[in-house]
N, C-alpha and C. Protein backbone atom coordinates (compact mmCIF):
# COMPACT_ATOMS: atom_id res chain seq x y z
N MET A 1 -19.01 19.72 19.22
CA MET A 1 -18.66 19.66 17.82
C MET A 1 -19.08 18.30 17.27
N THR A 2 -19.78 18.29 16.17
CA THR A 2 -20.23 17.05 15.57
C THR A 2 -19.33 16.68 14.39
N ALA A 3 -19.16 15.40 14.20
CA ALA A 3 -18.34 14.91 13.08
C ALA A 3 -19.13 15.03 11.78
N ARG A 4 -18.45 15.46 10.75
CA ARG A 4 -19.07 15.57 9.43
C ARG A 4 -19.00 14.21 8.74
N THR A 5 -20.09 13.82 8.14
CA THR A 5 -20.14 12.56 7.41
C THR A 5 -19.79 12.81 5.95
N ARG A 6 -18.88 12.02 5.44
CA ARG A 6 -18.48 12.14 4.03
C ARG A 6 -19.51 11.46 3.15
N THR A 7 -19.70 12.03 1.98
CA THR A 7 -20.53 11.35 0.98
C THR A 7 -19.70 10.23 0.38
N ALA A 8 -20.34 9.32 -0.34
CA ALA A 8 -19.62 8.21 -0.98
C ALA A 8 -18.59 8.76 -1.97
N GLU A 9 -18.93 9.82 -2.67
CA GLU A 9 -18.01 10.42 -3.64
C GLU A 9 -16.81 11.04 -2.92
N GLU A 10 -17.04 11.74 -1.82
CA GLU A 10 -15.94 12.34 -1.06
C GLU A 10 -15.02 11.26 -0.48
N THR A 11 -15.60 10.16 -0.01
CA THR A 11 -14.81 9.06 0.51
C THR A 11 -13.95 8.45 -0.59
N ALA A 12 -14.53 8.25 -1.76
CA ALA A 12 -13.79 7.69 -2.90
C ALA A 12 -12.65 8.61 -3.31
N GLN A 13 -12.89 9.91 -3.31
CA GLN A 13 -11.84 10.87 -3.67
C GLN A 13 -10.73 10.88 -2.63
N ALA A 14 -11.10 10.83 -1.35
CA ALA A 14 -10.10 10.80 -0.27
C ALA A 14 -9.29 9.51 -0.34
N PHE A 15 -9.96 8.39 -0.63
CA PHE A 15 -9.26 7.11 -0.77
C PHE A 15 -8.26 7.18 -1.92
N ALA A 16 -8.66 7.73 -3.04
CA ALA A 16 -7.76 7.85 -4.21
C ALA A 16 -6.54 8.71 -3.87
N ARG A 17 -6.74 9.79 -3.13
CA ARG A 17 -5.61 10.64 -2.71
C ARG A 17 -4.66 9.86 -1.80
N GLN A 18 -5.23 9.13 -0.84
CA GLN A 18 -4.41 8.34 0.09
C GLN A 18 -3.65 7.25 -0.66
N GLU A 19 -4.29 6.62 -1.64
CA GLU A 19 -3.63 5.58 -2.40
C GLU A 19 -2.48 6.14 -3.23
N ALA A 20 -2.66 7.32 -3.80
CA ALA A 20 -1.57 7.97 -4.55
C ALA A 20 -0.40 8.28 -3.63
N LEU A 21 -0.69 8.75 -2.42
CA LEU A 21 0.37 9.02 -1.44
C LEU A 21 1.09 7.74 -1.05
N LEU A 22 0.34 6.67 -0.83
CA LEU A 22 0.94 5.39 -0.45
C LEU A 22 1.88 4.90 -1.55
N LEU A 23 1.46 4.99 -2.81
CA LEU A 23 2.30 4.53 -3.92
C LEU A 23 3.58 5.36 -4.01
N ALA A 24 3.47 6.66 -3.76
CA ALA A 24 4.65 7.53 -3.75
C ALA A 24 5.58 7.14 -2.59
N GLU A 25 5.00 6.75 -1.47
CA GLU A 25 5.81 6.34 -0.31
C GLU A 25 6.51 5.00 -0.55
N VAL A 26 5.87 4.10 -1.31
CA VAL A 26 6.53 2.85 -1.69
C VAL A 26 7.77 3.17 -2.53
N ALA A 27 7.63 4.08 -3.49
CA ALA A 27 8.77 4.50 -4.32
C ALA A 27 9.85 5.16 -3.46
N GLU A 28 9.42 5.96 -2.50
CA GLU A 28 10.38 6.61 -1.60
C GLU A 28 11.17 5.58 -0.79
N LEU A 29 10.48 4.56 -0.26
CA LEU A 29 11.17 3.54 0.52
C LEU A 29 12.17 2.78 -0.35
N ASN A 30 11.81 2.47 -1.59
CA ASN A 30 12.75 1.82 -2.50
C ASN A 30 13.98 2.69 -2.71
N GLU A 31 13.77 3.99 -2.82
CA GLU A 31 14.89 4.92 -2.99
C GLU A 31 15.77 4.95 -1.75
N VAL A 32 15.16 5.06 -0.57
CA VAL A 32 15.91 5.09 0.69
C VAL A 32 16.74 3.81 0.84
N LEU A 33 16.18 2.68 0.43
CA LEU A 33 16.88 1.40 0.55
C LEU A 33 17.83 1.12 -0.61
N GLY A 34 17.86 2.03 -1.60
CA GLY A 34 18.74 1.85 -2.75
C GLY A 34 18.26 0.76 -3.70
N LEU A 35 16.97 0.54 -3.77
CA LEU A 35 16.41 -0.52 -4.60
C LEU A 35 15.79 0.00 -5.89
N THR A 36 16.22 1.14 -6.37
CA THR A 36 15.58 1.76 -7.52
C THR A 36 15.83 1.01 -8.82
N ASP A 37 16.97 0.32 -8.96
CA ASP A 37 17.27 -0.38 -10.20
C ASP A 37 17.04 -1.89 -10.10
N ALA A 38 16.61 -2.35 -8.94
CA ALA A 38 16.41 -3.79 -8.75
C ALA A 38 15.20 -4.28 -9.53
N ASP A 39 15.21 -5.59 -9.85
CA ASP A 39 14.02 -6.13 -10.51
C ASP A 39 12.87 -6.19 -9.50
N HIS A 40 11.68 -6.41 -10.00
CA HIS A 40 10.45 -6.32 -9.21
C HIS A 40 10.49 -7.12 -7.91
N SER A 41 11.01 -8.36 -7.94
CA SER A 41 10.98 -9.20 -6.73
C SER A 41 11.99 -8.76 -5.68
N HIS A 42 12.89 -7.86 -6.04
CA HIS A 42 13.90 -7.37 -5.10
C HIS A 42 13.55 -5.97 -4.58
N LYS A 43 12.34 -5.51 -4.83
CA LYS A 43 11.92 -4.17 -4.41
C LYS A 43 10.74 -4.26 -3.45
N VAL A 44 10.47 -3.16 -2.79
CA VAL A 44 9.23 -3.02 -2.02
C VAL A 44 8.13 -2.81 -3.06
N THR A 45 7.05 -3.56 -2.94
CA THR A 45 5.99 -3.51 -3.96
C THR A 45 4.62 -3.32 -3.32
N HIS A 46 3.66 -3.00 -4.16
CA HIS A 46 2.26 -2.84 -3.76
C HIS A 46 1.46 -3.86 -4.57
N GLY A 47 0.69 -4.69 -3.89
CA GLY A 47 -0.09 -5.69 -4.59
C GLY A 47 -1.23 -6.18 -3.74
N TYR A 48 -1.89 -7.23 -4.20
CA TYR A 48 -3.05 -7.73 -3.48
C TYR A 48 -3.08 -9.24 -3.39
N ILE A 49 -3.82 -9.70 -2.40
CA ILE A 49 -4.18 -11.09 -2.25
C ILE A 49 -5.70 -11.11 -2.26
N GLY A 50 -6.27 -12.00 -3.02
CA GLY A 50 -7.73 -12.08 -3.01
C GLY A 50 -8.29 -12.52 -4.33
N ASN A 51 -9.55 -12.27 -4.48
CA ASN A 51 -10.29 -12.76 -5.62
C ASN A 51 -10.75 -11.60 -6.52
N ALA A 52 -9.87 -11.13 -7.37
CA ALA A 52 -10.28 -10.14 -8.35
C ALA A 52 -11.06 -10.90 -9.43
N LYS A 53 -12.20 -10.38 -9.79
CA LYS A 53 -13.06 -11.07 -10.76
C LYS A 53 -13.37 -10.15 -11.93
N MET A 54 -13.37 -10.70 -13.11
CA MET A 54 -13.75 -9.94 -14.29
C MET A 54 -15.27 -9.98 -14.39
N GLY A 55 -15.88 -8.81 -14.37
CA GLY A 55 -17.32 -8.70 -14.53
C GLY A 55 -17.64 -7.99 -15.83
N ARG A 56 -18.89 -7.79 -16.09
CA ARG A 56 -19.27 -7.13 -17.34
C ARG A 56 -18.84 -5.67 -17.38
N ASP A 57 -18.59 -5.08 -16.19
CA ASP A 57 -18.15 -3.68 -16.12
C ASP A 57 -16.65 -3.55 -15.88
N GLY A 58 -15.89 -4.63 -16.05
CA GLY A 58 -14.44 -4.59 -15.80
C GLY A 58 -14.10 -5.38 -14.55
N TRP A 59 -12.92 -5.13 -14.03
CA TRP A 59 -12.44 -5.88 -12.88
C TRP A 59 -13.16 -5.47 -11.60
N ASP A 60 -13.60 -6.47 -10.84
CA ASP A 60 -14.21 -6.25 -9.52
C ASP A 60 -13.13 -6.55 -8.48
N MET A 61 -12.65 -5.50 -7.82
CA MET A 61 -11.58 -5.64 -6.84
C MET A 61 -12.11 -5.52 -5.41
N SER A 62 -13.39 -5.75 -5.22
CA SER A 62 -14.00 -5.55 -3.90
C SER A 62 -13.62 -6.64 -2.90
N ASP A 63 -13.12 -7.79 -3.37
CA ASP A 63 -12.79 -8.89 -2.46
C ASP A 63 -11.29 -9.13 -2.42
N VAL A 64 -10.52 -8.04 -2.33
CA VAL A 64 -9.06 -8.19 -2.27
C VAL A 64 -8.51 -7.44 -1.06
N LEU A 65 -7.36 -7.87 -0.61
CA LEU A 65 -6.63 -7.20 0.47
C LEU A 65 -5.36 -6.64 -0.15
N TRP A 66 -5.28 -5.32 -0.26
CA TRP A 66 -4.11 -4.65 -0.81
C TRP A 66 -3.05 -4.55 0.28
N SER A 67 -1.80 -4.69 -0.11
CA SER A 67 -0.70 -4.66 0.85
C SER A 67 0.54 -4.05 0.23
N VAL A 68 1.44 -3.61 1.11
CA VAL A 68 2.78 -3.24 0.72
C VAL A 68 3.66 -4.40 1.16
N TYR A 69 4.45 -4.92 0.21
CA TYR A 69 5.30 -6.07 0.49
C TYR A 69 6.77 -5.68 0.47
N LEU A 70 7.50 -6.14 1.49
CA LEU A 70 8.94 -5.98 1.50
C LEU A 70 9.52 -6.94 0.46
N PRO A 71 10.76 -6.74 0.02
CA PRO A 71 11.33 -7.62 -1.00
C PRO A 71 11.23 -9.10 -0.62
N HIS A 72 10.88 -9.92 -1.60
CA HIS A 72 10.75 -11.37 -1.39
C HIS A 72 11.22 -12.09 -2.66
N PRO A 73 12.53 -12.01 -2.95
CA PRO A 73 13.06 -12.57 -4.19
C PRO A 73 12.81 -14.07 -4.33
N GLY A 74 12.42 -14.46 -5.53
CA GLY A 74 12.28 -15.86 -5.86
C GLY A 74 11.02 -16.54 -5.38
N ARG A 75 10.09 -15.78 -4.80
CA ARG A 75 8.84 -16.42 -4.33
C ARG A 75 7.73 -15.38 -4.27
N VAL A 76 6.52 -15.88 -4.10
CA VAL A 76 5.35 -15.01 -3.95
C VAL A 76 5.37 -14.41 -2.55
N GLY A 77 4.95 -13.14 -2.42
CA GLY A 77 4.89 -12.50 -1.11
C GLY A 77 3.90 -13.20 -0.19
N LYS A 78 4.20 -13.18 1.10
CA LYS A 78 3.30 -13.78 2.08
C LYS A 78 3.08 -12.80 3.23
N ASP A 79 2.27 -13.19 4.18
CA ASP A 79 1.90 -12.29 5.28
C ASP A 79 3.09 -11.71 6.00
N SER A 80 4.14 -12.50 6.21
CA SER A 80 5.29 -12.00 6.96
C SER A 80 6.10 -10.96 6.18
N ASP A 81 5.84 -10.82 4.87
CA ASP A 81 6.50 -9.80 4.04
C ASP A 81 5.73 -8.49 4.02
N ARG A 82 4.57 -8.49 4.61
CA ARG A 82 3.62 -7.39 4.45
C ARG A 82 3.84 -6.28 5.47
N VAL A 83 3.72 -5.05 4.98
CA VAL A 83 3.74 -3.86 5.83
C VAL A 83 2.47 -3.09 5.49
N GLY A 84 1.48 -3.17 6.33
CA GLY A 84 0.23 -2.46 6.08
C GLY A 84 -0.64 -3.17 5.07
N ALA A 85 -1.92 -3.17 5.32
CA ALA A 85 -2.88 -3.79 4.41
C ALA A 85 -4.22 -3.08 4.54
N TYR A 86 -4.99 -3.10 3.46
CA TYR A 86 -6.30 -2.44 3.48
C TYR A 86 -7.19 -3.04 2.41
N ARG A 87 -8.47 -2.93 2.60
CA ARG A 87 -9.46 -3.39 1.63
C ARG A 87 -9.75 -2.26 0.63
N THR A 88 -10.11 -2.65 -0.56
CA THR A 88 -10.47 -1.68 -1.59
C THR A 88 -11.55 -0.74 -1.05
N GLY A 89 -11.29 0.56 -1.13
CA GLY A 89 -12.25 1.56 -0.70
C GLY A 89 -12.26 1.90 0.77
N SER A 90 -11.47 1.21 1.59
CA SER A 90 -11.46 1.47 3.04
C SER A 90 -10.53 2.64 3.36
N LEU A 91 -11.11 3.79 3.61
CA LEU A 91 -10.33 4.98 3.92
C LEU A 91 -9.56 4.80 5.22
N ASP A 92 -10.22 4.30 6.25
CA ASP A 92 -9.54 4.05 7.54
C ASP A 92 -8.41 3.04 7.36
N GLY A 93 -8.65 2.01 6.56
CA GLY A 93 -7.64 0.98 6.33
C GLY A 93 -6.41 1.50 5.63
N ILE A 94 -6.60 2.32 4.60
CA ILE A 94 -5.44 2.82 3.87
C ILE A 94 -4.66 3.84 4.69
N VAL A 95 -5.34 4.61 5.51
CA VAL A 95 -4.65 5.56 6.39
C VAL A 95 -3.78 4.78 7.39
N ALA A 96 -4.32 3.70 7.96
CA ALA A 96 -3.54 2.87 8.88
C ALA A 96 -2.36 2.22 8.18
N ALA A 97 -2.55 1.75 6.95
CA ALA A 97 -1.46 1.15 6.18
C ALA A 97 -0.36 2.17 5.91
N ARG A 98 -0.75 3.40 5.61
CA ARG A 98 0.25 4.46 5.38
C ARG A 98 1.03 4.75 6.65
N ARG A 99 0.37 4.72 7.80
CA ARG A 99 1.07 4.94 9.07
C ARG A 99 2.15 3.88 9.27
N GLU A 100 1.81 2.63 9.01
CA GLU A 100 2.78 1.54 9.15
C GLU A 100 3.94 1.73 8.18
N LEU A 101 3.64 2.08 6.94
CA LEU A 101 4.67 2.28 5.93
C LEU A 101 5.58 3.45 6.29
N LEU A 102 5.00 4.53 6.77
CA LEU A 102 5.80 5.69 7.16
C LEU A 102 6.74 5.36 8.31
N ALA A 103 6.32 4.50 9.23
CA ALA A 103 7.19 4.08 10.32
C ALA A 103 8.39 3.29 9.78
N VAL A 104 8.16 2.46 8.77
CA VAL A 104 9.25 1.70 8.16
C VAL A 104 10.22 2.65 7.44
N ILE A 105 9.68 3.63 6.74
CA ILE A 105 10.52 4.61 6.05
C ILE A 105 11.38 5.36 7.06
N LYS A 106 10.76 5.78 8.15
CA LYS A 106 11.50 6.50 9.20
C LYS A 106 12.61 5.63 9.76
N GLY A 107 12.31 4.36 10.03
CA GLY A 107 13.32 3.43 10.53
C GLY A 107 14.45 3.20 9.53
N ALA A 108 14.10 3.09 8.26
CA ALA A 108 15.12 2.89 7.22
C ALA A 108 16.02 4.12 7.12
N ARG A 109 15.44 5.30 7.20
CA ARG A 109 16.26 6.52 7.16
C ARG A 109 17.20 6.58 8.36
N LEU A 110 16.69 6.25 9.53
CA LEU A 110 17.50 6.25 10.73
C LEU A 110 18.65 5.25 10.60
N ALA A 111 18.35 4.05 10.15
CA ALA A 111 19.38 3.02 9.99
C ALA A 111 20.45 3.46 9.00
N ARG A 112 20.04 4.14 7.93
CA ARG A 112 21.01 4.59 6.92
C ARG A 112 21.89 5.71 7.46
N SER A 113 21.39 6.44 8.42
CA SER A 113 22.16 7.59 8.95
C SER A 113 23.17 7.19 10.01
N ILE A 114 23.06 5.97 10.49
CA ILE A 114 23.96 5.52 11.58
C ILE A 114 25.29 5.04 10.99
């Protein structure tokens, strides 16, 4: 059996689907942790570190590292706050980040049930 190669368009569509799922999972984790009404710095968030640049065609996000950050009130998020990270457009990266996030959600649910 040979592996099928995705076209650039198929990869972009798959990445967009994975990113939508990841954002929904961030909201789910906030709900599980009871952080739905907290201000932004007291919630699990999705953001980036890197060099977003304004170009003639809009924002260039190709040189950023997207991450899910655990709450970090009163300061900027750092590496130790991060759960999963991926580069813009990296399908393998976002799938791995979702795996890490899902493990945290599972752990949070388990802890809440005890």
